[in-house]
Structure formats: C-alpha cells, structure tokens
Protein backbone atom coordinates (compact mmCIF):
# COMPACT_ATOMS: atom_id res chain seq x y z
CA MET A 1 0.00 0.00 0.00
CA ALA A 2 1.47 3.30 -1.11
CA VAL A 3 1.71 6.08 1.40
CA ILE A 4 1.49 9.66 0.14
CA VAL A 5 3.31 12.15 2.28
CA ASN A 6 2.73 15.86 1.69
CA VAL A 7 5.94 17.69 2.40
CA PRO A 8 5.18 21.34 3.07
CA ARG A 9 7.22 23.86 1.17
CA PRO A 10 9.54 25.93 3.28
CA ALA A 11 8.26 29.36 4.19
CA PRO A 12 9.71 32.13 2.01
CA PRO A 13 12.48 34.13 3.64
CA PRO A 14 11.62 37.56 5.03
CA LEU A 15 11.83 40.49 2.63
CA SER A 16 14.97 42.57 2.55
CA GLY A 17 14.74 46.06 3.97
CA PRO A 18 14.32 47.93 0.66
CA ALA A 19 11.69 45.48 -0.66
CA ALA A 20 9.74 45.67 2.61
CA LEU A 21 9.75 49.47 2.41
CA VAL A 22 8.38 49.33 -1.14
CA VAL A 23 5.52 47.07 -0.02
CA GLN A 24 4.69 49.36 2.89
CA ALA A 25 4.82 52.47 0.71
CA VAL A 26 2.54 50.96 -1.94
CA ARG A 27 0.01 49.94 0.70
CA ALA A 28 0.08 53.41 2.24
CA VAL A 29 -0.46 55.14 -1.11
CA ALA A 30 -3.25 52.70 -2.02
CA ALA A 31 -5.03 53.46 1.25
CA GLN A 32 -5.02 57.18 0.51
CA ASP A 33 -8.09 58.67 -1.18
CA PRO A 34 -6.91 61.07 -3.94
CA LEU A 35 -10.11 63.09 -3.51
CA ASP A 36 -8.74 64.26 -0.17
CA LEU A 37 -5.80 65.95 -1.89
CA PRO A 38 -5.77 69.50 -3.32
CA ASP A 39 -6.02 69.55 -7.12
CA ALA A 40 -2.43 70.66 -7.71
CA GLN A 41 -1.03 68.09 -5.31
CA ALA A 42 -3.17 65.30 -6.78
CA VAL A 43 -1.91 65.83 -10.32
CA ALA A 44 1.69 66.32 -9.14
CA GLU A 45 1.63 63.10 -7.13
CA CYS A 46 0.07 61.21 -10.02
CA SER A 47 2.93 62.36 -12.26
CA VAL A 48 5.50 61.23 -9.69
CA LEU A 49 3.80 57.86 -9.24
CA LEU A 50 3.82 57.27 -13.00
CA ALA A 51 7.55 57.94 -13.08
CA GLN A 52 8.11 55.61 -10.14
CA LEU A 53 5.98 52.93 -11.78
CA GLU A 54 8.33 53.06 -14.77
CA ALA A 55 11.33 52.85 -12.45
CA LEU A 56 9.82 49.99 -10.47
CA THR A 57 9.03 48.08 -13.68
CA THR A 58 12.68 48.44 -14.66
CA VAL A 59 13.75 47.01 -11.30
CA VAL A 60 11.29 44.12 -11.64
CA LEU A 61 12.62 43.29 -15.11
CA SER A 62 16.18 43.19 -13.79
CA ARG A 63 15.04 40.86 -10.98
CA VAL A 64 13.27 38.57 -13.48
CA ALA A 65 16.46 38.47 -15.56
CA ASP A 66 18.38 37.51 -12.41
CA VAL A 67 15.91 34.69 -11.64
CA GLU A 68 16.39 33.24 -15.11
CA ARG A 69 20.15 33.73 -15.18
CA ARG A 70 20.62 31.85 -11.88
CA GLN A 71 17.78 29.39 -12.54
CA LEU A 72 16.14 30.40 -9.26
CA HIS A 73 12.69 29.39 -10.49
CA VAL A 74 13.51 25.75 -9.69
CA LEU A 75 13.42 26.67 -5.99
CA ALA A 76 9.68 27.29 -6.46
CA GLY A 77 9.22 24.02 -8.34
CA ALA A 78 8.87 25.72 -11.73
CA PRO A 79 10.76 24.18 -14.69
CA THR A 80 11.06 27.51 -16.54
CA VAL A 81 10.93 31.17 -15.66
CA GLY A 82 7.83 31.47 -17.87
CA THR A 83 6.01 28.87 -15.78
CA TRP A 84 7.13 30.61 -12.62
CA LEU A 85 5.88 33.99 -13.88
CA GLY A 86 2.55 32.46 -14.83
CA ALA A 87 2.06 31.37 -11.23
CA GLN A 88 2.74 34.91 -9.99
CA GLN A 89 -0.38 36.34 -11.67
CA THR A 90 1.79 39.17 -12.92
CA SER A 91 0.67 41.87 -15.33
CA LEU A 92 3.98 41.80 -17.21
CA ASP A 93 3.28 41.20 -20.89
CA ARG A 94 5.26 38.95 -23.20
CA GLY A 95 7.24 41.84 -24.62
CA GLN A 96 8.42 42.88 -21.17
CA ILE A 97 9.30 39.30 -20.25
CA ALA A 98 11.27 38.99 -23.51
CA LEU A 99 13.08 42.22 -22.60
CA ALA A 100 13.99 40.81 -19.18
CA ARG A 101 15.53 37.78 -20.86
CA ARG A 102 17.47 39.88 -23.36
CA LEU A 103 18.83 42.48 -20.95
CA PRO A 104 21.80 40.40 -19.71
CA GLY A 105 23.12 40.33 -23.28
CA LEU A 106 22.54 44.06 -23.82
CA PRO A 107 24.60 45.82 -21.13
CA HIS A 108 24.29 49.31 -22.62
CA VAL A 109 20.50 49.11 -22.89
CA ALA A 110 20.35 47.69 -19.36
CA ALA A 111 22.51 50.49 -17.95
CA GLU A 112 20.51 53.26 -19.63
CA LEU A 113 17.26 51.62 -18.52
CA ALA A 114 18.47 51.39 -14.92
CA ALA A 115 19.50 55.06 -15.03
CA GLN A 116 15.98 55.93 -16.30
CA ARG A 117 17.37 57.43 -19.49
CA LEU A 118 15.30 54.92 -21.46
CA SER A 119 11.68 53.94 -20.93
CA VAL A 120 10.69 50.28 -20.73
CA SER A 121 8.81 50.46 -24.05
CA THR A 122 11.82 52.05 -25.76
CA ALA A 123 14.12 49.38 -24.33
CA GLN A 124 11.73 46.72 -25.65
CA ARG A 125 11.97 48.13 -29.18
CA LEU A 126 15.76 48.36 -29.02
CA ALA A 127 16.09 44.82 -27.69
CA ALA A 128 13.77 43.45 -30.38
CA ALA A 129 15.73 45.16 -33.18
CA LEU A 130 19.08 43.97 -31.82
CA SER A 131 17.69 40.47 -31.40
CA LYS A 132 16.95 40.37 -35.14
CA LEU A 133 20.55 41.32 -35.88
CA ARG A 134 22.32 39.15 -33.30
CA ARG A 135 22.57 35.96 -35.38
CA HIS A 136 23.81 37.87 -38.44
CA VAL A 137 26.65 39.91 -36.91
CA ASP A 138 30.01 39.02 -35.37
CA ARG A 139 30.32 35.90 -37.49
CA PRO A 140 33.72 34.17 -37.79
CA ASP A 141 34.03 35.18 -41.44
CA GLY A 142 33.35 38.85 -40.63
CA ARG A 143 30.47 39.01 -43.12
CA ILE A 144 26.98 40.39 -42.53
CA ASP A 145 24.35 39.34 -45.06
CA GLY A 146 27.09 38.72 -47.63
CA GLN A 147 28.81 42.08 -47.08
CA ASP A 148 31.88 43.22 -45.17
CA GLY A 149 30.57 43.40 -41.60
CA HIS A 150 32.82 46.19 -40.33
CA GLN A 151 32.05 48.37 -43.34
CA VAL A 152 28.30 47.82 -42.96
CA VAL A 153 28.18 48.60 -39.24
CA THR A 154 30.41 51.66 -39.60
CA ALA A 155 28.16 53.08 -42.35
CA VAL A 156 25.01 52.43 -40.31
CA VAL A 157 26.49 53.93 -37.13
CA VAL A 158 28.14 57.00 -38.64
CA ASP A 159 25.77 57.87 -41.49
CA GLY A 160 22.50 56.03 -40.87
CA ILE A 161 21.97 57.13 -37.27
CA ARG A 162 23.01 60.72 -38.05
CA GLN A 163 20.57 60.89 -40.96
CA LEU A 164 17.68 59.62 -38.82
CA VAL A 165 18.44 62.10 -36.04
CA CYS A 166 18.57 64.96 -38.53
CA GLU A 167 15.29 63.89 -40.15
CA ALA A 168 13.64 63.65 -36.72
CA HIS A 169 14.54 67.30 -36.09
CA GLY A 170 13.44 68.53 -39.51
CA GLY A 171 17.02 68.92 -40.69
CA LEU A 172 19.89 70.50 -38.78
CA ALA A 173 22.17 73.35 -39.81
CA ASP A 174 25.76 72.31 -40.45
CA ASP A 175 26.89 74.50 -37.54
CA SER A 176 24.29 73.03 -35.17
CA THR A 177 25.70 72.07 -31.79
CA LEU A 178 23.36 69.06 -31.71
CA LEU A 179 24.68 67.84 -35.06
CA ALA A 180 28.27 68.30 -33.90
CA SER A 181 27.58 66.47 -30.64
CA VAL A 182 25.76 63.55 -32.28
CA SER A 183 28.41 63.22 -35.01
CA ALA A 184 31.21 63.18 -32.42
CA GLN A 185 29.44 60.56 -30.31
CA LEU A 186 28.78 58.38 -33.35
CA ALA A 187 32.41 58.64 -34.45
CA GLY A 188 33.43 57.55 -30.97
CA ILE A 189 31.06 54.59 -31.07
CA ALA A 190 32.33 53.55 -34.51
CA GLY A 191 35.91 53.54 -33.22
CA ARG A 192 35.32 51.46 -30.10
CA PRO A 193 37.26 48.16 -29.92
CA VAL A 194 34.11 46.15 -29.19
CA SER A 195 31.90 43.71 -31.07
CA GLU A 196 29.80 44.87 -34.01
CA LEU A 197 26.62 44.17 -32.03
CA ALA A 198 27.88 46.32 -29.15
CA ARG A 199 28.54 49.20 -31.55
CA LEU A 200 25.06 48.86 -33.03
CA GLU A 201 23.57 48.71 -29.53
CA ALA A 202 25.29 51.92 -28.42
CA ALA A 203 24.34 53.74 -31.63
CA MET A 204 20.69 52.68 -31.41
CA VAL A 205 20.51 53.82 -27.79
CA LEU A 206 21.85 57.20 -28.91
CA LEU A 207 19.16 57.34 -31.60
CA ALA A 208 16.45 56.53 -29.06
CA GLN A 209 17.61 59.41 -26.87
CA HIS A 210 17.41 61.94 -29.71
CA VAL A 211 14.12 61.12 -31.46
CA GLU A 212 10.52 61.14 -30.32
CA PRO A 213 9.26 57.71 -29.22
CA GLY A 214 6.73 57.59 -32.05
CA LEU A 215 9.51 57.87 -34.65
CA LEU A 216 11.71 55.17 -33.16
CA PRO A 217 10.00 52.01 -34.55
CA SER A 218 10.27 53.10 -38.19
CA GLY A 219 13.83 54.32 -37.64
CA LEU A 220 14.93 51.02 -36.12
CA ALA A 221 13.24 49.12 -38.96
CA ARG A 222 15.20 51.15 -41.51
CA LEU A 223 18.45 50.45 -39.68
CA VAL A 224 17.78 46.71 -39.56
CA ASP A 225 17.03 46.75 -43.30
CA ALA A 226 20.22 48.72 -43.92
CA VAL A 227 22.24 46.04 -42.13
CA LEU A 228 20.34 43.18 -43.81
CA PRO A 229 19.37 44.37 -47.33
CA ASN A 230 19.09 40.81 -48.65
CA GLU A 231 16.55 40.02 -45.93
CA LEU A 232 14.46 42.95 -47.18
CA GLU A 233 14.73 41.60 -50.72
CA ARG A 234 13.66 38.15 -49.51
CA ARG A 235 10.62 39.51 -47.65
CA ALA A 236 9.58 41.52 -50.70
CA ALA A 237 9.95 38.45 -52.92
CA ASP A 238 7.89 36.36 -50.49
CA ALA A 239 5.16 39.02 -50.43
CA HIS A 240 5.11 39.05 -54.22
CA SER A 241 4.83 35.26 -54.34
CA ASN A 242 2.04 35.27 -51.74
CA ARG A 243 0.06 38.13 -53.28
CA ARG A 244 -3.66 37.41 -53.51
CA PHE A 245 -7.01 39.10 -53.32
CA SER A 246 -10.54 37.72 -53.34
CA MET A 247 -13.96 39.16 -52.61
CA ARG A 248 -17.54 37.98 -52.85
CA ARG A 249 -21.03 39.36 -52.45
CA HIS A 250 -22.96 38.85 -49.23
CA ASP A 251 -25.64 36.20 -49.61
CA ASP A 252 -28.32 38.73 -48.65
CA GLY A 253 -27.15 41.16 -51.34
CA SER A 254 -26.22 43.86 -48.82
CA GLY A 255 -22.72 44.42 -50.11
CA TRP A 256 -19.36 42.80 -50.62
CA VAL A 257 -16.87 41.22 -48.24
CA ILE A 258 -13.13 40.90 -48.75
CA VAL A 259 -12.55 37.22 -48.08
CA GLU A 260 -8.79 37.42 -47.92
CA GLY A 261 -5.97 39.42 -49.36
CA GLU A 262 -2.28 40.17 -49.15
CA LEU A 263 -0.72 42.90 -51.27
CA ASP A 264 2.88 42.99 -52.38
CA LEU A 265 4.92 46.15 -51.88
CA GLU A 266 4.15 47.63 -55.29
CA CYS A 267 0.40 47.12 -55.08
CA GLY A 268 0.39 48.37 -51.50
CA GLU A 269 2.22 51.56 -52.44
CA LEU A 270 -0.15 52.15 -55.35
CA LEU A 271 -3.21 51.66 -53.18
CA HIS A 272 -1.79 53.84 -50.41
CA THR A 273 -1.05 56.63 -52.90
CA VAL A 274 -4.57 56.49 -54.36
CA LEU A 275 -6.23 56.46 -50.93
CA GLN A 276 -4.16 59.37 -49.63
CA ALA A 277 -5.00 61.43 -52.71
CA GLU A 278 -8.70 60.64 -52.45
CA LEU A 279 -8.81 61.29 -48.70
CA THR A 280 -7.40 64.75 -49.35
CA ALA A 281 -9.96 65.44 -52.09
CA ASP A 282 -12.90 63.94 -50.18
CA PRO A 283 -15.70 66.58 -50.32
CA ASP A 284 -17.04 65.45 -46.94
CA ASN A 285 -13.69 65.52 -45.18
CA PRO A 286 -13.10 66.74 -42.54
CA THR A 287 -16.56 68.22 -41.87
CA ASP A 288 -18.01 64.85 -40.94
CA THR A 289 -15.39 63.83 -38.39
CA GLN A 290 -16.24 63.38 -34.72
CA ALA A 291 -14.25 66.47 -33.72
CA TYR A 292 -16.25 68.69 -36.07
CA ALA A 293 -19.50 67.13 -34.85
CA GLU A 294 -18.62 67.99 -31.25
CA LEU A 295 -17.75 71.57 -32.22
CA ARG A 296 -21.07 71.99 -33.99
CA GLU A 297 -22.88 70.67 -30.91
CA GLN A 298 -21.18 73.46 -28.97
CA GLY A 299 -22.58 76.05 -31.39
CA TRP A 300 -19.58 76.46 -33.68
CA THR A 301 -20.42 77.32 -37.30
CA SER A 302 -18.43 78.13 -40.41
CA GLU A 303 -19.59 79.92 -43.53
CA GLN A 304 -17.22 77.78 -45.60
CA GLU A 305 -18.36 74.47 -44.14
CA LEU A 306 -19.33 71.91 -46.73
CA PRO A 307 -22.56 69.90 -46.47
CA VAL A 308 -22.19 67.12 -43.94
CA CYS A 309 -23.27 63.53 -44.38
CA ASP A 310 -25.57 61.60 -42.09
CA GLY A 311 -23.03 61.13 -39.32
CA PRO A 312 -19.33 61.24 -38.52
CA ARG A 313 -17.40 58.55 -40.40
CA SER A 314 -14.66 56.48 -38.86
CA LEU A 315 -11.24 56.46 -40.49
CA ARG A 316 -11.99 53.02 -41.89
CA GLN A 317 -15.20 54.31 -43.44
CA ARG A 318 -13.36 57.27 -44.94
CA ARG A 319 -10.77 54.92 -46.46
CA HIS A 320 -13.58 52.81 -47.90
CA ASP A 321 -15.17 55.89 -49.45
CA ALA A 322 -11.77 57.03 -50.75
CA LEU A 323 -11.36 53.70 -52.54
CA ARG A 324 -14.86 54.02 -53.99
CA ASN A 325 -14.19 57.59 -55.16
CA GLY A 326 -10.86 56.59 -56.70
CA LEU A 327 -12.39 53.72 -58.64
CA ARG A 328 -15.23 55.96 -59.80
CA ARG A 329 -12.75 58.62 -60.92
CA TYR A 330 -10.72 55.98 -62.78
CA LEU A 331 -13.78 54.73 -64.68
CA ASP A 332 -15.09 58.24 -65.36
CA ALA A 333 -11.73 59.20 -66.92
CA GLY A 334 -12.30 56.62 -69.66
CA ILE A 335 -8.79 55.18 -69.41
CA SER A 336 -9.81 51.68 -68.38
CA GLY A 337 -8.08 49.15 -70.61
CA LEU A 338 -5.49 51.59 -71.98
CA ARG A 339 -1.81 50.67 -71.69
CA ASP A 340 1.50 52.50 -71.60
CA LYS A 341 0.04 56.00 -71.34
CA THR A 342 1.32 57.22 -68.01
CA ALA A 343 3.73 55.96 -65.38
CA PRO A 344 2.52 55.19 -61.83
CA HIS A 345 2.56 58.28 -59.63
CA LEU A 346 4.48 56.78 -56.74
CA ALA A 347 6.74 58.78 -54.45
CA VAL A 348 9.97 57.10 -53.34
CA THR A 349 12.85 58.63 -51.41
CA VAL A 350 16.15 56.91 -52.11
CA GLY A 351 19.77 57.92 -51.60
CA ILE A 352 22.40 57.59 -54.31
CA ASP A 353 24.36 55.24 -52.01
CA THR A 354 21.31 53.00 -51.85
CA LEU A 355 21.00 52.91 -55.65
CA HIS A 356 24.67 51.92 -55.81
CA GLN A 357 23.96 49.30 -53.10
CA ALA A 358 26.67 50.68 -50.83
CA PRO A 359 27.05 48.58 -47.66
CA GLY A 360 25.04 49.97 -44.75
CA ALA A 361 23.08 52.51 -46.81
CA LEU A 362 19.59 53.19 -45.46
CA PRO A 363 16.90 51.55 -47.61
CA ALA A 364 14.53 53.51 -49.83
CA VAL A 365 11.26 54.70 -48.29
CA GLY A 366 7.92 54.75 -50.09
CA GLY A 367 5.17 57.31 -49.68
CA SER A 368 3.52 55.04 -47.13
CA GLY A 369 6.66 54.95 -45.00
CA ALA A 370 7.45 51.34 -45.94
CA THR A 371 11.07 50.42 -46.57
CA LEU A 372 11.58 49.17 -50.12
CA PRO A 373 14.21 46.80 -51.54
CA VAL A 374 16.57 48.27 -54.09
CA SER A 375 15.38 45.79 -56.74
CA LEU A 376 11.85 47.21 -56.57
CA VAL A 377 13.09 50.82 -56.66
CA SER A 378 15.28 50.04 -59.66
CA ARG A 379 12.33 48.46 -61.44
CA TRP A 380 10.11 51.49 -60.80
CA SER A 381 12.84 53.93 -61.80
CA CYS A 382 12.82 52.59 -65.36
CA ASP A 383 9.57 54.48 -66.01
CA SER A 384 9.71 57.48 -63.72
CA THR A 385 10.40 61.13 -63.18
CA LEU A 386 13.31 61.95 -60.89
CA THR A 387 13.87 64.90 -58.62
CA ARG A 388 17.42 65.14 -57.32
CA PHE A 389 18.05 66.68 -53.90
CA VAL A 390 21.48 67.60 -52.59
CA PHE A 391 21.57 67.59 -48.77
CA SER A 392 23.93 69.17 -46.30
CA LEU A 393 25.48 67.11 -43.51
CA GLY A 394 22.50 68.05 -41.33
CA ARG A 395 19.97 66.93 -43.99
CA LYS A 396 19.09 70.45 -45.14
CA VAL A 397 18.26 70.69 -48.85
CA LEU A 398 20.96 72.65 -50.69
CA GLU A 399 19.98 72.05 -54.32
CA THR A 400 17.25 70.42 -56.40
CA SER A 401 17.00 69.40 -60.03
CA HIS A 402 14.40 67.56 -62.09
CA SER A 403 14.70 65.00 -64.86
CA GLU A 404 12.65 62.31 -66.51
CA ARG A 405 13.72 58.70 -66.27
CA THR A 406 11.26 57.50 -68.89
CA LEU A 407 10.49 57.81 -72.57
CA LYS A 408 8.60 60.80 -73.86
CA ALA A 409 5.28 60.14 -75.57
CA HIS A 410 6.71 60.15 -79.10
CA GLU A 411 9.66 57.97 -78.03
CA ARG A 412 7.31 55.51 -76.40
CA ARG A 413 5.28 55.36 -79.61
CA ALA A 414 8.47 54.83 -81.63
CA ALA A 415 9.50 51.96 -79.37
CA HIS A 416 6.10 50.32 -79.89
CA LEU A 417 6.40 50.71 -83.66
CA GLN A 418 9.87 49.15 -83.63
CA THR A 419 8.78 46.12 -81.62
CA GLY A 420 5.17 45.75 -82.75
CA GLY A 421 4.09 46.43 -79.20
CA CYS A 422 5.54 43.10 -78.02
CA CYS A 423 7.79 42.21 -75.13
CA GLN A 424 11.38 41.97 -76.34
CA GLY A 425 12.27 39.07 -74.04
CA ALA A 426 13.14 35.92 -75.99
CA GLY A 427 10.33 33.38 -75.81
CA CYS A 428 7.80 35.84 -74.41
CA THR A 429 4.52 36.02 -76.31
CA ARG A 430 3.02 38.99 -74.50
CA GLY A 431 2.14 41.69 -76.97
CA PRO A 432 -0.39 44.44 -77.67
CA GLY A 433 -2.85 44.84 -74.82
CA CYS A 434 -0.29 44.04 -72.14
CA ARG A 435 1.47 46.76 -70.20
CA LEU A 436 5.02 47.16 -71.48
CA ILE A 437 7.66 48.89 -69.40
CA PRO A 438 10.60 50.71 -71.00
CA HIS A 439 13.76 49.31 -69.40
CA HIS A 440 17.08 51.09 -69.81
CA GLY A 441 19.97 48.79 -70.56
CA ASN A 442 22.58 50.88 -68.79
CA PRO A 443 21.36 51.56 -65.22
CA TRP A 444 20.59 55.23 -64.67
CA ALA A 445 22.41 55.16 -61.32
CA ARG A 446 25.59 54.59 -63.33
CA CYS A 447 25.13 56.52 -66.58
CA HIS A 448 22.51 59.19 -65.55
CA THR A 449 21.10 59.29 -69.11
CA THR A 450 17.93 58.12 -70.84
CA SER A 451 17.80 57.32 -74.56
CA LEU A 452 15.53 55.46 -76.95
CA ALA A 453 18.49 53.53 -78.40
CA ASP A 454 19.32 52.09 -74.98
CA THR A 455 15.71 51.16 -74.16
CA VAL A 456 13.90 47.84 -74.51
CA LEU A 457 10.21 47.15 -73.90
CA LEU A 458 9.51 44.35 -71.43
CA CYS A 459 6.31 42.93 -69.99
CA GLU A 460 5.81 43.20 -66.25
CA GLN A 461 6.82 39.60 -65.52
CA THR A 462 10.06 39.71 -67.52
CA HIS A 463 10.86 43.14 -66.12
CA HIS A 464 10.29 41.88 -62.58
CA GLN A 465 12.58 38.89 -63.13
CA LEU A 466 15.30 41.10 -64.58
CA HIS A 467 15.29 43.30 -61.48
CA THR A 468 15.34 40.33 -59.12
CA GLY A 469 18.66 38.94 -60.34
CA HIS A 470 17.85 37.15 -63.61
CA THR A 471 19.76 37.57 -66.86
CA ILE A 472 17.52 37.49 -69.94
CA ARG A 473 18.07 37.06 -73.65
CA LEU A 474 16.30 39.43 -76.01
CA LYS A 475 14.68 38.43 -79.26
CA ASP A 476 17.49 40.12 -81.18
CA GLY A 477 20.06 37.88 -79.46
CA ARG A 478 21.45 40.39 -77.00
CA TRP A 479 21.76 39.57 -73.30
CA LEU A 480 20.64 41.88 -70.52
CA GLY A 481 21.29 41.50 -66.80
CA PRO A 482 20.38 43.45 -63.68
CA ASP A 483 23.58 45.51 -64.02
CA GLY A 484 23.26 46.21 -67.73
CA TRP A 485 24.28 44.66 -71.02
CA THR A 486 26.25 41.42 -70.85
CA HIS A 487 27.79 38.98 -73.31
CA GLY A 488 26.02 35.84 -72.15
CA LEU A 489 24.14 34.03 -69.45
CA SER A 490 25.34 34.80 -65.95
CA GLY A 491 23.01 33.48 -63.29
CA HIS A 492 19.44 32.64 -64.19
CA GLY A 493 18.16 32.15 -67.68
CA PRO A 494 15.53 34.15 -69.52
CA SER A 495 11.87 33.71 -68.92
CA GLY A 496 8.99 34.72 -71.14
C-alpha cells in the first residue's frame, strides 16, 4: 500500500529592507483617497507615481532576468521562468518578459534603462531590433548578409543614425551644436574596440535618446534593413509570391466582403497613394469627423463648411469611401483598358548610395513609410520622373533638379512601332494589350542618361525577373542582366 506524504514547502524568507519598504509604501499610497488631496497636489503626485511605476518596472525586469540567469525558479518548483511567472499572476506582458531575458546580453541598454534614461517600451523596441541582428553579426568570417561586416556597421552607425536624427529634427544646420555632438558621439562609437553588435547597440541607444518615441520604430526598422538588405529583398519576394485578393457578395445582397488578401509592396504603395490622394480630395472631409461634430454641438459654425453627411465617419469608413471615389474617378476618366500611357505616380525617397547598393546605406522609403528593396526601386525607376536633392550634412536641402527617367510620348510610340508592341524578351509572347515597361539597358544610377536607343520594352513579368537577379536574352540575341548589357548568361536564364 502506497503512502502519500505531503511535504510542506519551506516558508519564504523575510523580505529585505528595501523590498519591505516598497511594499509598505505601496500599501500606504493605495489606502489614501486622492479626492482628499488639493487639485495641484493630486496631479503632481500622479505624475511622480507614474515615473516611479516606470522605475519599479525596470527594477522588476532586472530581478526577473536575475531569476532566469541563476535558474532560481527551480526553488519554487517551476521548470522555466515562464512557468514561474505564470504562477505569480503578474501583469507583465510577453514583450516585457522577452526584454527581461534579453537584458543580460545588452549591457548598454540595461545600464541606460536602470538610469531611467530609457523607458521600458523604448528598451523593448531596441532589444527586439538587436535580437533580429544578433545571429547575423560578429560571425567568424566577418560578413553580414554577404557584405563586409565592419564596413556595414560603420556606415550604419556614422551615417545612418546621423541621418535619422537629422530627419527627426526637420534637418539641422551644419553648424548646429546638436549635429556636432551627435556626429562626435557616433564617431566615438564607430571607433570602439568592441563587437559589431555592441557598436550597433550603443548607436541605437543614442538614436532613441534623440528622437521622439513615435519615430523610433520606423527608424529602427530602416536600420535593420540597412544592415540586412538581402533580408528585405527576400521579404519583398515572399510578399510578391504570396500576393492574392478575393472578394464575394454577401448572400443577402447587402454588399461585398473581402474574403482574404495580401498585397505585395508595389500594389500596397499604389493603393496607399490612391487612398491618400482621395482622402485629401474627399468633399465630406473633414466636416463629418467626430471632432467637427462635437464643435457643432457646442454652437460652432463656419460659412465655408461643406454639407455634412448623415453622421461622422470612422477612419476606416473614410478609407472605404476614398477607394470608392478613386475607382469611380478611374472609370469616369475613360482610361480603363489603356496601356502604356502614363507611369505610376508613386513617391519614393532613395539615396544615391542606396541605388549603388553601398554597404550599410539606409533603404529607400515609399510614400507610405514602408522600406523598399533596391530591386523594386530600380524596377520602378525605369519608367519614372526623378527629382534630385542635394543635402547638407544636417539633412538640409541645398539644391534640387528635375529630370525624366522615362520615354517621352513620341519615343514611347516609336518603341512600340519598332517592336510591334511586343515584349522583347526571348520566348515571351506577350504583346499588344499588355502593359510594357521601358527598361534602360545601362542603369541610370551609373550613366545618368535616358535614350531610346538604350531602351527595350519588357512585360511586367520579364521586367520583374530582370530586377530580381535574372539575366535574360532578347529576341534580337542580345543579353541583358540586372547591371546592364552582358555577353552571355550569368546566373538565371531568360523567362517569357
């Protein structure tokens, strides 16, 4: 007969002095009714308590990291720190727990967090970005994503961080003390005899301390893409492969439902551009927003106010109406079914270093704020209008110039006459009725010229493959690769 013996767990040790004081202080504050405080004191104390909550969360995260580092959770019978935390009924979210686990490997982030020079949410974003880079940097071969690691990190630290700081401040004068200070600190970080990850960590912390919190996520994303440009290319290629869209009518005839859909980068940028333009031109915007409705309820009137609709629309409803208006405008213009008349009106900001694929150059940014792979930008630039901006060190515009990176109307017509309106890729049967894109044999980033003699017409599929690393053969026997004219097959074969 088995005998079950319940062995009681040992009582927890008494709290240390500082921890006991924290418990007592929290209980005392909780017992106090804020309505008993004068207004000024109530708001002042609330502000102080919020700051202390941030500080206390930082302390708790460091303690959690200590529990995991020393495997102390086994003393409570928990196999993992996650199991142990689950038994504590804590309000820490997964992101904060992940931060606690990452802090021991990020000493600079941990130090700035402990000194309250970083918020917990900012530290989370920094730790997440550095976690993405950790397995790619400090490799034995010194390479990062196929590039020289030291060169990449130096470019990101010295130029990338400085550019983001300047952009966050609307551009800085070359004699700005802030620009001088940031540049000096970045130069010091770049010269430290530490690991590449440690240099990136210190530089990203500096960025976080010089930009508004709302700008940090996009800035960190651009830096990660600058370090790992091939990863950006891979994600864009995956999105293109997984692109899909389907919709159906409701069974009761009340409308349509989007069943599923994923847009690739190009389609997403096009849709974003159309929606933004239509939102701006919306005749009912912004007079039907909730803010305007509240003002009217308070008696506010405007002689220039446009007629309002039945009720304030949500942002989602306004986007829906913008899509409807854009489609209606497209059909009303009578251009449905026409090809090769105008180039897409997409706005892309890209540096010359990015076009030349210099290591560590910040990626291009679309009008939506999305980072774009250089292959997509190169593909778009074949049929585009370019505006060149020359910036100062502090990202102030010094000079602008304008040029067309596309064929003029008569040149486009001449190209169609020469080719019969067919794709010039060998084996491709796409012809009149399909959109043909003028591709320039010698990349503009290298030659800075556009000419009919150097232009070939390609269908969208062949053009896409050319800009994603394929070498194609033309119907006249010539070979064309991503970097220009070539004498034979180098890499992938043509596709039609």
